[in-house]
Amino acid sequence: MTSDKHQRPLSAEAIKVLCSAIESETGCRYDVDGLDVPFDDLALDALSIMHVLEEVQDRAGIELPAAVFRDCANLSELVNKLGGANNGASSTSLGGQQLVRSAFASTNQLLAAIEHEAGCSNFWTDVHPDQMRLVRAYINESFARLGASLIDMAPGTPLSHPPAVLAKHHRVLDGAIYDILRDGGLVERRQGDGRYIRTARPVDPTPSETLYKNLLRDHPQHANTHRLLNATGAQFAECLTGQADPIKILFGKPVNKELLQDFYTNAPMSVAASKLLVATLRTVFSQITQAQSRPVEILEVGAGMGGTTKFVLDMLVEARIPFRYIFTDISASFFPSAKKRFQPYVDAAASGSAVDYVVLDIEQTPPPRHLQSRFDAVISTNCIHATRDLVVSCSNARRLLRPGGFFALVEFTTRLYWLDLVFGLLDGWWLFEDGRTHCTADEMAWKKKLDASGFDHLLWVEDGGRKPNPQLMIACTAD
């Protein structure tokens, strides 16, 4: 393979090769230890560095300078240095939008390394097929318990709502379940009336309990995600008929409430999205505080259980960036536990830092006057999709920003069907009244809504066609 001196940002594949080479030489595990483990702690001597550089050159065709291991303290810093950071430009020479776009370019280069560290780089090839088998098994078994067994249904038979299903849950059948069965080849749309009809494809007879246990065994890093799926999936038929209450299952049982908390905080895909978010925030906020000598002002919409809050506050405290953080939700019920959890962060933070707690309904226009035109950043994770009209919600978020501020959203942009078996049983999944056919929207759909909301530009993470899910999107305002 021919090689070039490193001129361009490292590709996702090159970053994976670099991670693998360092792991082979040192025995470290970046998916366990994190990208910030110091090179000094890895005992990377001159010979080891030479072997790493040779492997990167042989496998990726890129000749890296040995000096990067001397000039950088860890892999995160090395990737950022070689990934096209803004090369020392100060915030005084960059407008707000230009600063955000420059920082985001660096974040893009971290995608492969962060997904590797979080343990989700192979999700779509290794985990997703097994997960889909389990999702279909829960549905097939539910239909059988509802008296509409797909196994006994002759090819060409139209599907209808089983009589025992509550009317309010017809939406999850029409908006999700039939799509899942169609993607699995078990049903198809009939030309003419568009009704779903049974195909000749046989139903996988493997019991859901077996598939579930296999998933826990084979993909332990995703175990709690699948435990959350099992909480409602194993009782999906009963939830549809009202015999079981999905709200009580998810929020009334402490073990399941902990699984929800874990999903938002520790699930590999959630961790990757949060790390992408804080990588961008750190670069932008560091330059703001250097240029203006003031705390950065951040508002989080729908902070809920505080999964994203933890990652952001961890970064702000570690980077010694002073902050004013407004933790909001539509209900104050989350505030007591959040105050207890996050007060130690304030105590450890740079002087002038604070976390305040405010009830905010982002769908109410206009937002409270004392919050308008104030914030450097408004952030929201897996919240805005659950509003009636994205343009209304995003327009209100824009009103909270000062000129040059930005709106950072973490949202699923590719449908994951297991979510429909959990959150599809809740009203918030189906609130939309803005032309969407499902609460999950792709990047281009978000762009149209954010453009209509008055934002100037939308950025999202993508490296060589590879995109995270959930996705990090940043909507910029004019300076």
Foldseek 3Di string as FASTA:
>chain_A
DAADEQDAQDFLVLLVLLQVLLCVLQVDQCLAPPQQDFPVVSPCDPVSLVSSQVSSCVPVRYRYDSCLSVVDGTRLRSNLVRHQAPVPDFPVVDFLQRLLVRLLSSLLSCLNVLLSNLVCNCCVPPPQVLVLLLLVLLVQVLCVVLVNHLQPFDFFAFDDPRPLFDPVLVLLVVLFVLVSCVVVVQWAADPDPRTITGHPDHRDPDHSVVSLVVSCVPPVLQNLVSVLLCLQSNVVNCLRNVVDPLCCSQPVDVVNVVSVLCCCARRSLNSSQLVSVLSSVLSSQVSVCVVPVDAAEEEEEACAQPRSVVSNLVSQLVSQGAHEYEYEYQDCPNVVVVCVVCVVSVVSHHPPHDYHYDYWDLLDPATDPVQFQDHQEYEYEADLLLAAANLSSLLNRNRNHHASHKYKYFAFQDDRSSCCSRCVSDPSQPNYDHPDSGSRHHPVVNVVSNVSSQFDDKDWRDGPNDARGRIIMMTTHHD
